Amino acid sequence: MNTDVALFWMREAMQLAVMVTAPMLGVALAVGLLVSLFQAVTSMQEMTLSYIPKILAIAAVLLLLAPWMLEMLTDFTTQAFSFIPNVSR
C-alpha cells in the first residue's frame, strides 16, 4: 500500500465523519443560538436552560437520521474491509 492509497482512505474517513456529524452539530448550533437569543431578550441567565433543548434537538435528529448514518458507516466499513486483500499485493 502506498501513500496515495492511505491518503485516500484517510480522506474518505474524514469526509464520512463530517457527513455523519454535521446534521447534529448544525442543529445544536441553531438551537444554541435560539436559546441564547431567548435568554438575552428575557434576561434569563439560567445555565441549564441551554442544555435541555440542545439535548432534545440532537436526540430528535439522531432518531430521524440514525438509519442513514448507519447505512453510511456500514457502506464505508464494507468498502474498507473489501480492500484489505489488495493491501498485501
PDB file of N, CA and C in Angstrom:
ATOM      1  N   MET A   1       0.850  -1.172   0.000  1.00  0.00           N
ATOM      2  CA  MET A   1       0.000   0.000   0.000  1.00  0.00           C
ATOM      3  C   MET A   1       0.896   1.236   0.000  1.00  0.00           C
ATOM      4  N   ASN A   2       0.651   2.127  -0.925  1.00  0.00           N
ATOM      5  CA  ASN A   2       1.464   3.331  -0.993  1.00  0.00           C
ATOM      6  C   ASN A   2       0.756   4.486  -0.288  1.00  0.00           C
ATOM      7  N   THR A   3       1.409   5.626  -0.277  1.00  0.00           N
ATOM      8  CA  THR A   3       0.858   6.766   0.457  1.00  0.00           C
ATOM      9  C   THR A   3      -0.409   7.317  -0.182  1.00  0.00           C
ATOM     10  N   ASP A   4      -0.545   7.190  -1.489  1.00  0.00           N
ATOM     11  CA  ASP A   4      -1.761   7.681  -2.148  1.00  0.00           C
ATOM     12  C   ASP A   4      -2.995   6.921  -1.674  1.00  0.00           C
ATOM     13  N   VAL A   5      -2.853   5.625  -1.519  1.00  0.00           N
ATOM     14  CA  VAL A   5      -3.978   4.807  -1.059  1.00  0.00           C
ATOM     15  C   VAL A   5      -4.311   5.138   0.397  1.00  0.00           C
ATOM     16  N   ALA A   6      -3.280   5.278   1.213  1.00  0.00           N
ATOM     17  CA  ALA A   6      -3.509   5.613   2.613  1.00  0.00           C
ATOM     18  C   ALA A   6      -4.174   6.980   2.744  1.00  0.00           C
ATOM     19  N   LEU A   7      -3.735   7.940   1.955  1.00  0.00           N
ATOM     20  CA  LEU A   7      -4.352   9.264   1.981  1.00  0.00           C
ATOM     21  C   LEU A   7      -5.793   9.226   1.487  1.00  0.00           C
ATOM     22  N   PHE A   8      -6.061   8.379   0.495  1.00  0.00           N
ATOM     23  CA  PHE A   8      -7.431   8.233   0.008  1.00  0.00           C
ATOM     24  C   PHE A   8      -8.352   7.745   1.120  1.00  0.00           C
ATOM     25  N   TRP A   9      -7.917   6.704   1.844  1.00  0.00           N
ATOM     26  CA  TRP A   9      -8.760   6.152   2.899  1.00  0.00           C
ATOM     27  C   TRP A   9      -8.899   7.106   4.072  1.00  0.00           C
ATOM     28  N   MET A  10      -7.864   7.870   4.376  1.00  0.00           N
ATOM     29  CA  MET A  10      -7.968   8.865   5.438  1.00  0.00           C
ATOM     30  C   MET A  10      -8.931   9.986   5.038  1.00  0.00           C
ATOM     31  N   ARG A  11      -8.858  10.413   3.781  1.00  0.00           N
ATOM     32  CA  ARG A  11      -9.768  11.454   3.299  1.00  0.00           C
ATOM     33  C   ARG A  11     -11.206  10.969   3.321  1.00  0.00           C
ATOM     34  N   GLU A  12     -11.425   9.732   2.892  1.00  0.00           N
ATOM     35  CA  GLU A  12     -12.776   9.164   2.905  1.00  0.00           C
ATOM     36  C   GLU A  12     -13.314   9.063   4.332  1.00  0.00           C
ATOM     37  N   ALA A  13     -12.458   8.651   5.262  1.00  0.00           N
ATOM     38  CA  ALA A  13     -12.889   8.539   6.655  1.00  0.00           C
ATOM     39  C   ALA A  13     -13.238   9.903   7.238  1.00  0.00           C
ATOM     40  N   MET A  14     -12.446  10.909   6.910  1.00  0.00           N
ATOM     41  CA  MET A  14     -12.732  12.256   7.419  1.00  0.00           C
ATOM     42  C   MET A  14     -13.997  12.831   6.801  1.00  0.00           C
ATOM     43  N   GLN A  15     -14.199  12.602   5.512  1.00  0.00           N
ATOM     44  CA  GLN A  15     -15.420  13.076   4.863  1.00  0.00           C
ATOM     45  C   GLN A  15     -16.650  12.395   5.471  1.00  0.00           C
ATOM     46  N   LEU A  16     -16.533  11.114   5.743  1.00  0.00           N
ATOM     47  CA  LEU A  16     -17.643  10.391   6.347  1.00  0.00           C
ATOM     48  C   LEU A  16     -17.934  10.919   7.741  1.00  0.00           C
ATOM     49  N   ALA A  17     -16.893  11.178   8.513  1.00  0.00           N
ATOM     50  CA  ALA A  17     -17.089  11.712   9.860  1.00  0.00           C
ATOM     51  C   ALA A  17     -17.788  13.064   9.820  1.00  0.00           C
ATOM     52  N   VAL A  18     -17.414  13.902   8.882  1.00  0.00           N
ATOM     53  CA  VAL A  18     -18.052  15.217   8.762  1.00  0.00           C
ATOM     54  C   VAL A  18     -19.504  15.062   8.315  1.00  0.00           C
ATOM     55  N   MET A  19     -19.752  14.184   7.360  1.00  0.00           N
ATOM     56  CA  MET A  19     -21.116  13.992   6.863  1.00  0.00           C
ATOM     57  C   MET A  19     -22.042  13.431   7.942  1.00  0.00           C
ATOM     58  N   VAL A  20     -21.520  12.548   8.777  1.00  0.00           N
ATOM     59  CA  VAL A  20     -22.357  11.919   9.792  1.00  0.00           C
ATOM     60  C   VAL A  20     -22.623  12.869  10.966  1.00  0.00           C
ATOM     61  N   THR A  21     -21.643  13.677  11.325  1.00  0.00           N
ATOM     62  CA  THR A  21     -21.811  14.546  12.485  1.00  0.00           C
ATOM     63  C   THR A  21     -22.373  15.923  12.148  1.00  0.00           C
ATOM     64  N   ALA A  22     -22.305  16.349  10.900  1.00  0.00           N
ATOM     65  CA  ALA A  22     -22.745  17.699  10.528  1.00  0.00           C
ATOM     66  C   ALA A  22     -24.214  17.986  10.863  1.00  0.00           C
ATOM     67  N   PRO A  23     -25.150  17.076  10.618  1.00  0.00           N
ATOM     68  CA  PRO A  23     -26.540  17.406  10.966  1.00  0.00           C
ATOM     69  C   PRO A  23     -26.736  17.655  12.459  1.00  0.00           C
ATOM     70  N   MET A  24     -26.117  16.840  13.289  1.00  0.00           N
ATOM     71  CA  MET A  24     -26.270  17.034  14.730  1.00  0.00           C
ATOM     72  C   MET A  24     -25.597  18.317  15.199  1.00  0.00           C
ATOM     73  N   LEU A  25     -24.413  18.602  14.677  1.00  0.00           N
ATOM     74  CA  LEU A  25     -23.722  19.828  15.063  1.00  0.00           C
ATOM     75  C   LEU A  25     -24.469  21.062  14.575  1.00  0.00           C
ATOM     76  N   GLY A  26     -25.032  20.999  13.386  1.00  0.00           N
ATOM     77  CA  GLY A  26     -25.795  22.120  12.861  1.00  0.00           C
ATOM     78  C   GLY A  26     -27.039  22.404  13.687  1.00  0.00           C
ATOM     79  N   VAL A  27     -27.745  21.352  14.063  1.00  0.00           N
ATOM     80  CA  VAL A  27     -28.942  21.526  14.889  1.00  0.00           C
ATOM     81  C   VAL A  27     -28.557  22.054  16.273  1.00  0.00           C
ATOM     82  N   ALA A  28     -27.483  21.542  16.837  1.00  0.00           N
ATOM     83  CA  ALA A  28     -27.035  22.036  18.141  1.00  0.00           C
ATOM     84  C   ALA A  28     -26.658  23.514  18.069  1.00  0.00           C
ATOM     85  N   LEU A  29     -26.017  23.912  16.981  1.00  0.00           N
ATOM     86  CA  LEU A  29     -25.659  25.315  16.802  1.00  0.00           C
ATOM     87  C   LEU A  29     -26.907  26.193  16.683  1.00  0.00           C
ATOM     88  N   ALA A  30     -27.855  25.765  15.867  1.00  0.00           N
ATOM     89  CA  ALA A  30     -29.072  26.553  15.673  1.00  0.00           C
ATOM     90  C   ALA A  30     -29.878  26.667  16.969  1.00  0.00           C
ATOM     91  N   VAL A  31     -30.041  25.563  17.667  1.00  0.00           N
ATOM     92  CA  VAL A  31     -30.795  25.593  18.919  1.00  0.00           C
ATOM     93  C   VAL A  31     -30.052  26.424  19.959  1.00  0.00           C
ATOM     94  N   GLY A  32     -28.745  26.304  20.013  1.00  0.00           N
ATOM     95  CA  GLY A  32     -27.967  27.101  20.953  1.00  0.00           C
ATOM     96  C   GLY A  32     -28.111  28.590  20.686  1.00  0.00           C
ATOM     97  N   LEU A  33     -28.095  28.977  19.409  1.00  0.00           N
ATOM     98  CA  LEU A  33     -28.276  30.391  19.073  1.00  0.00           C
ATOM     99  C   LEU A  33     -29.676  30.882  19.444  1.00  0.00           C
ATOM    100  N   LEU A  34     -30.687  30.057  19.184  1.00  0.00           N
ATOM    101  CA  LEU A  34     -32.053  30.448  19.539  1.00  0.00           C
ATOM    102  C   LEU A  34     -32.221  30.581  21.047  1.00  0.00           C
ATOM    103  N   VAL A  35     -31.677  29.651  21.795  1.00  0.00           N
ATOM    104  CA  VAL A  35     -31.778  29.714  23.255  1.00  0.00           C
ATOM    105  C   VAL A  35     -31.012  30.921  23.785  1.00  0.00           C
ATOM    106  N   SER A  36     -29.847  31.199  23.228  1.00  0.00           N
ATOM    107  CA  SER A  36     -29.068  32.362  23.656  1.00  0.00           C
ATOM    108  C   SER A  36     -29.818  33.656  23.351  1.00  0.00           C
ATOM    109  N   LEU A  37     -30.444  33.718  22.194  1.00  0.00           N
ATOM    110  CA  LEU A  37     -31.245  34.887  21.848  1.00  0.00           C
ATOM    111  C   LEU A  37     -32.415  35.047  22.810  1.00  0.00           C
ATOM    112  N   PHE A  38     -33.072  33.931  23.114  1.00  0.00           N
ATOM    113  CA  PHE A  38     -34.186  33.956  24.069  1.00  0.00           C
ATOM    114  C   PHE A  38     -33.713  34.428  25.445  1.00  0.00           C
ATOM    115  N   GLN A  39     -32.563  33.928  25.878  1.00  0.00           N
ATOM    116  CA  GLN A  39     -32.032  34.334  27.177  1.00  0.00           C
ATOM    117  C   GLN A  39     -31.652  35.813  27.182  1.00  0.00           C
ATOM    118  N   ALA A  40     -31.125  36.314  26.088  1.00  0.00           N
ATOM    119  CA  ALA A  40     -30.752  37.726  26.017  1.00  0.00           C
ATOM    120  C   ALA A  40     -31.980  38.624  26.022  1.00  0.00           C
ATOM    121  N   VAL A  41     -33.029  38.207  25.328  1.00  0.00           N
ATOM    122  CA  VAL A  41     -34.247  39.011  25.259  1.00  0.00           C
ATOM    123  C   VAL A  41     -34.965  39.031  26.606  1.00  0.00           C
ATOM    124  N   THR A  42     -35.025  37.894  27.270  1.00  0.00           N
ATOM    125  CA  THR A  42     -35.769  37.803  28.525  1.00  0.00           C
ATOM    126  C   THR A  42     -34.888  38.049  29.747  1.00  0.00           C
ATOM    127  N   SER A  43     -33.610  38.258  29.575  1.00  0.00           N
ATOM    128  CA  SER A  43     -32.654  38.470  30.677  1.00  0.00           C
ATOM    129  C   SER A  43     -32.602  37.292  31.647  1.00  0.00           C
ATOM    130  N   MET A  44     -32.898  36.105  31.146  1.00  0.00           N
ATOM    131  CA  MET A  44     -32.760  34.891  31.965  1.00  0.00           C
ATOM    132  C   MET A  44     -31.329  34.391  31.821  1.00  0.00           C
ATOM    133  N   GLN A  45     -30.671  34.167  32.918  1.00  0.00           N
ATOM    134  CA  GLN A  45     -29.284  33.706  32.877  1.00  0.00           C
ATOM    135  C   GLN A  45     -29.141  32.322  33.512  1.00  0.00           C
ATOM    136  N   GLU A  46     -30.101  31.464  33.272  1.00  0.00           N
ATOM    137  CA  GLU A  46     -30.050  30.106  33.806  1.00  0.00           C
ATOM    138  C   GLU A  46     -29.130  29.265  32.929  1.00  0.00           C
ATOM    139  N   MET A  47     -28.094  28.691  33.514  1.00  0.00           N
ATOM    140  CA  MET A  47     -27.096  27.941  32.753  1.00  0.00           C
ATOM    141  C   MET A  47     -27.654  26.631  32.190  1.00  0.00           C
ATOM    142  N   THR A  48     -28.539  25.994  32.930  1.00  0.00           N
ATOM    143  CA  THR A  48     -29.039  24.691  32.480  1.00  0.00           C
ATOM    144  C   THR A  48     -30.086  24.816  31.389  1.00  0.00           C
ATOM    145  N   LEU A  49     -30.592  26.007  31.160  1.00  0.00           N
ATOM    146  CA  LEU A  49     -31.628  26.187  30.147  1.00  0.00           C
ATOM    147  C   LEU A  49     -31.118  25.880  28.744  1.00  0.00           C
ATOM    148  N   SER A  50     -29.858  26.085  28.502  1.00  0.00           N
ATOM    149  CA  SER A  50     -29.335  25.857  27.155  1.00  0.00           C
ATOM    150  C   SER A  50     -29.074  24.375  26.865  1.00  0.00           C
ATOM    151  N   TYR A  51     -28.897  23.557  27.883  1.00  0.00           N
ATOM    152  CA  TYR A  51     -28.553  22.155  27.660  1.00  0.00           C
ATOM    153  C   TYR A  51     -29.748  21.299  27.260  1.00  0.00           C
ATOM    154  N   ILE A  52     -30.866  21.486  27.917  1.00  0.00           N
ATOM    155  CA  ILE A  52     -32.019  20.605  27.679  1.00  0.00           C
ATOM    156  C   ILE A  52     -32.550  20.722  26.250  1.00  0.00           C
ATOM    157  N   PRO A  53     -32.765  21.925  25.707  1.00  0.00           N
ATOM    158  CA  PRO A  53     -33.233  21.986  24.305  1.00  0.00           C
ATOM    159  C   PRO A  53     -32.224  21.399  23.321  1.00  0.00           C
ATOM    160  N   LYS A  54     -30.928  21.612  23.583  1.00  0.00           N
ATOM    161  CA  LYS A  54     -29.915  21.036  22.684  1.00  0.00           C
ATOM    162  C   LYS A  54     -29.949  19.521  22.730  1.00  0.00           C
ATOM    163  N   ILE A  55     -30.042  18.969  23.913  1.00  0.00           N
ATOM    164  CA  ILE A  55     -30.076  17.511  24.044  1.00  0.00           C
ATOM    165  C   ILE A  55     -31.300  16.939  23.342  1.00  0.00           C
ATOM    166  N   LEU A  56     -32.453  17.574  23.525  1.00  0.00           N
ATOM    167  CA  LEU A  56     -33.674  17.084  22.882  1.00  0.00           C
ATOM    168  C   LEU A  56     -33.594  17.210  21.361  1.00  0.00           C
ATOM    169  N   ALA A  57     -33.041  18.313  20.876  1.00  0.00           N
ATOM    170  CA  ALA A  57     -32.927  18.503  19.425  1.00  0.00           C
ATOM    171  C   ALA A  57     -31.953  17.499  18.818  1.00  0.00           C
ATOM    172  N   ILE A  58     -30.832  17.281  19.480  1.00  0.00           N
ATOM    173  CA  ILE A  58     -29.854  16.313  18.969  1.00  0.00           C
ATOM    174  C   ILE A  58     -30.430  14.907  19.009  1.00  0.00           C
ATOM    175  N   ALA A  59     -31.177  14.585  20.061  1.00  0.00           N
ATOM    176  CA  ALA A  59     -31.807  13.259  20.141  1.00  0.00           C
ATOM    177  C   ALA A  59     -32.819  13.077  19.013  1.00  0.00           C
ATOM    178  N   ALA A  60     -33.583  14.118  18.702  1.00  0.00           N
ATOM    179  CA  ALA A  60     -34.557  14.023  17.607  1.00  0.00           C
ATOM    180  C   ALA A  60     -33.861  13.823  16.267  1.00  0.00           C
ATOM    181  N   VAL A  61     -32.782  14.570  16.033  1.00  0.00           N
ATOM    182  CA  VAL A  61     -32.038  14.419  14.776  1.00  0.00           C
ATOM    183  C   VAL A  61     -31.423  13.027  14.700  1.00  0.00           C
ATOM    184  N   LEU A  62     -30.904  12.563  15.809  1.00  0.00           N
ATOM    185  CA  LEU A  62     -30.300  11.224  15.832  1.00  0.00           C
ATOM    186  C   LEU A  62     -31.333  10.152  15.543  1.00  0.00           C
ATOM    187  N   LEU A  63     -32.522  10.289  16.113  1.00  0.00           N
ATOM    188  CA  LEU A  63     -33.571   9.310  15.840  1.00  0.00           C
ATOM    189  C   LEU A  63     -34.018   9.348  14.382  1.00  0.00           C
ATOM    190  N   LEU A  64     -34.103  10.548  13.814  1.00  0.00           N
ATOM    191  CA  LEU A  64     -34.551  10.664  12.426  1.00  0.00           C
ATOM    192  C   LEU A  64     -33.487  10.191  11.431  1.00  0.00           C
ATOM    193  N   LEU A  65     -32.227  10.491  11.707  1.00  0.00           N
ATOM    194  CA  LEU A  65     -31.169  10.199  10.739  1.00  0.00           C
ATOM    195  C   LEU A  65     -30.336   8.962  11.071  1.00  0.00           C
ATOM    196  N   ALA A  66     -30.681   8.256  12.125  1.00  0.00           N
ATOM    197  CA  ALA A  66     -29.902   7.071  12.502  1.00  0.00           C
ATOM    198  C   ALA A  66     -29.817   6.025  11.392  1.00  0.00           C
ATOM    199  N   PRO A  67     -30.903   5.720  10.681  1.00  0.00           N
ATOM    200  CA  PRO A  67     -30.775   4.730   9.594  1.00  0.00           C
ATOM    201  C   PRO A  67     -29.795   5.178   8.504  1.00  0.00           C
ATOM    202  N   TRP A  68     -29.858   6.458   8.137  1.00  0.00           N
ATOM    203  CA  TRP A  68     -28.946   6.973   7.115  1.00  0.00           C
ATOM    204  C   TRP A  68     -27.502   6.938   7.614  1.00  0.00           C
ATOM    205  N   MET A  69     -27.285   7.342   8.856  1.00  0.00           N
ATOM    206  CA  MET A  69     -25.932   7.326   9.422  1.00  0.00           C
ATOM    207  C   MET A  69     -25.378   5.908   9.483  1.00  0.00           C
ATOM    208  N   LEU A  70     -26.209   4.982   9.912  1.00  0.00           N
ATOM    209  CA  LEU A  70     -25.777   3.587   9.999  1.00  0.00           C
ATOM    210  C   LEU A  70     -25.468   3.022   8.621  1.00  0.00           C
ATOM    211  N   GLU A  71     -26.266   3.383   7.626  1.00  0.00           N
ATOM    212  CA  GLU A  71     -26.011   2.923   6.256  1.00  0.00           C
ATOM    213  C   GLU A  71     -24.683   3.471   5.730  1.00  0.00           C
ATOM    214  N   MET A  72     -24.439   4.756   5.977  1.00  0.00           N
ATOM    215  CA  MET A  72     -23.176   5.354   5.536  1.00  0.00           C
ATOM    216  C   MET A  72     -21.980   4.667   6.213  1.00  0.00           C
ATOM    217  N   LEU A  73     -22.078   4.429   7.501  1.00  0.00           N
ATOM    218  CA  LEU A  73     -20.977   3.801   8.231  1.00  0.00           C
ATOM    219  C   LEU A  73     -20.758   2.353   7.795  1.00  0.00           C
ATOM    220  N   THR A  74     -21.838   1.612   7.576  1.00  0.00           N
ATOM    221  CA  THR A  74     -21.672   0.225   7.153  1.00  0.00           C
ATOM    222  C   THR A  74     -21.136   0.136   5.727  1.00  0.00           C
ATOM    223  N   ASP A  75     -21.548   1.053   4.854  1.00  0.00           N
ATOM    224  CA  ASP A  75     -21.002   1.062   3.491  1.00  0.00           C
ATOM    225  C   ASP A  75     -19.502   1.335   3.500  1.00  0.00           C
ATOM    226  N   PHE A  76     -19.081   2.304   4.301  1.00  0.00           N
ATOM    227  CA  PHE A  76     -17.652   2.606   4.391  1.00  0.00           C
ATOM    228  C   PHE A  76     -16.881   1.419   4.964  1.00  0.00           C
ATOM    229  N   THR A  77     -17.422   0.809   6.001  1.00  0.00           N
ATOM    230  CA  THR A  77     -16.744  -0.338   6.612  1.00  0.00           C
ATOM    231  C   THR A  77     -16.647  -1.497   5.633  1.00  0.00           C
ATOM    232  N   THR A  78     -17.710  -1.742   4.887  1.00  0.00           N
ATOM    233  CA  THR A  78     -17.695  -2.809   3.890  1.00  0.00           C
ATOM    234  C   THR A  78     -16.644  -2.545   2.818  1.00  0.00           C
ATOM    235  N   GLN A  79     -16.563  -1.296   2.357  1.00  0.00           N
ATOM    236  CA  GLN A  79     -15.552  -0.947   1.361  1.00  0.00           C
ATOM    237  C   GLN A  79     -14.142  -1.107   1.921  1.00  0.00           C
ATOM    238  N   ALA A  80     -13.943  -0.689   3.155  1.00  0.00           N
ATOM    239  CA  ALA A  80     -12.611  -0.793   3.761  1.00  0.00           C
ATOM    240  C   ALA A  80     -12.209  -2.254   3.939  1.00  0.00           C
ATOM    241  N   PHE A  81     -13.133  -3.084   4.408  1.00  0.00           N
ATOM    242  CA  PHE A  81     -12.806  -4.492   4.587  1.00  0.00           C
ATOM    243  C   PHE A  81     -12.614  -5.208   3.268  1.00  0.00           C
ATOM    244  N   SER A  82     -13.337  -4.814   2.238  1.00  0.00           N
ATOM    245  CA  SER A  82     -13.160  -5.464   0.945  1.00  0.00           C
ATOM    246  C   SER A  82     -11.835  -5.058   0.308  1.00  0.00           C
ATOM    247  N   PHE A  83     -11.244  -3.945   0.731  1.00  0.00           N
ATOM    248  CA  PHE A  83      -9.968  -3.507   0.201  1.00  0.00           C
ATOM    249  C   PHE A  83      -8.776  -4.200   0.873  1.00  0.00           C
ATOM    250  N   ILE A  84      -9.004  -4.822   2.013  1.00  0.00           N
ATOM    251  CA  ILE A  84      -7.901  -5.447   2.777  1.00  0.00           C
ATOM    252  C   ILE A  84      -7.095  -6.442   1.941  1.00  0.00           C
ATOM    253  N   PRO A  85      -7.694  -7.318   1.135  1.00  0.00           N
ATOM    254  CA  PRO A  85      -6.872  -8.247   0.340  1.00  0.00           C
ATOM    255  C   PRO A  85      -5.941  -7.550  -0.652  1.00  0.00           C
ATOM    256  N   ASN A  86      -6.297  -6.361  -1.088  1.00  0.00           N
ATOM    257  CA  ASN A  86      -5.449  -5.627  -2.030  1.00  0.00           C
ATOM    258  C   ASN A  86      -4.211  -5.030  -1.366  1.00  0.00           C
ATOM    259  N   VAL A  87      -4.210  -4.922  -0.054  1.00  0.00           N
ATOM    260  CA  VAL A  87      -3.086  -4.323   0.664  1.00  0.00           C
ATOM    261  C   VAL A  87      -1.859  -5.226   0.598  1.00  0.00           C
ATOM    262  N   SER A  88      -2.084  -6.531   0.637  1.00  0.00           N
ATOM    263  CA  SER A  88      -0.959  -7.464   0.683  1.00  0.00           C
ATOM    264  C   SER A  88      -0.279  -7.644  -0.672  1.00  0.00           C
ATOM    265  N   ARG A  89      -0.833  -7.105  -1.729  1.00  0.00           N
ATOM    266  CA  ARG A  89      -0.222  -7.273  -3.049  1.00  0.00           C
ATOM    267  C   ARG A  89       0.939  -6.367  -3.251  1.00  0.00           C
TER     268      ARG A  89
END
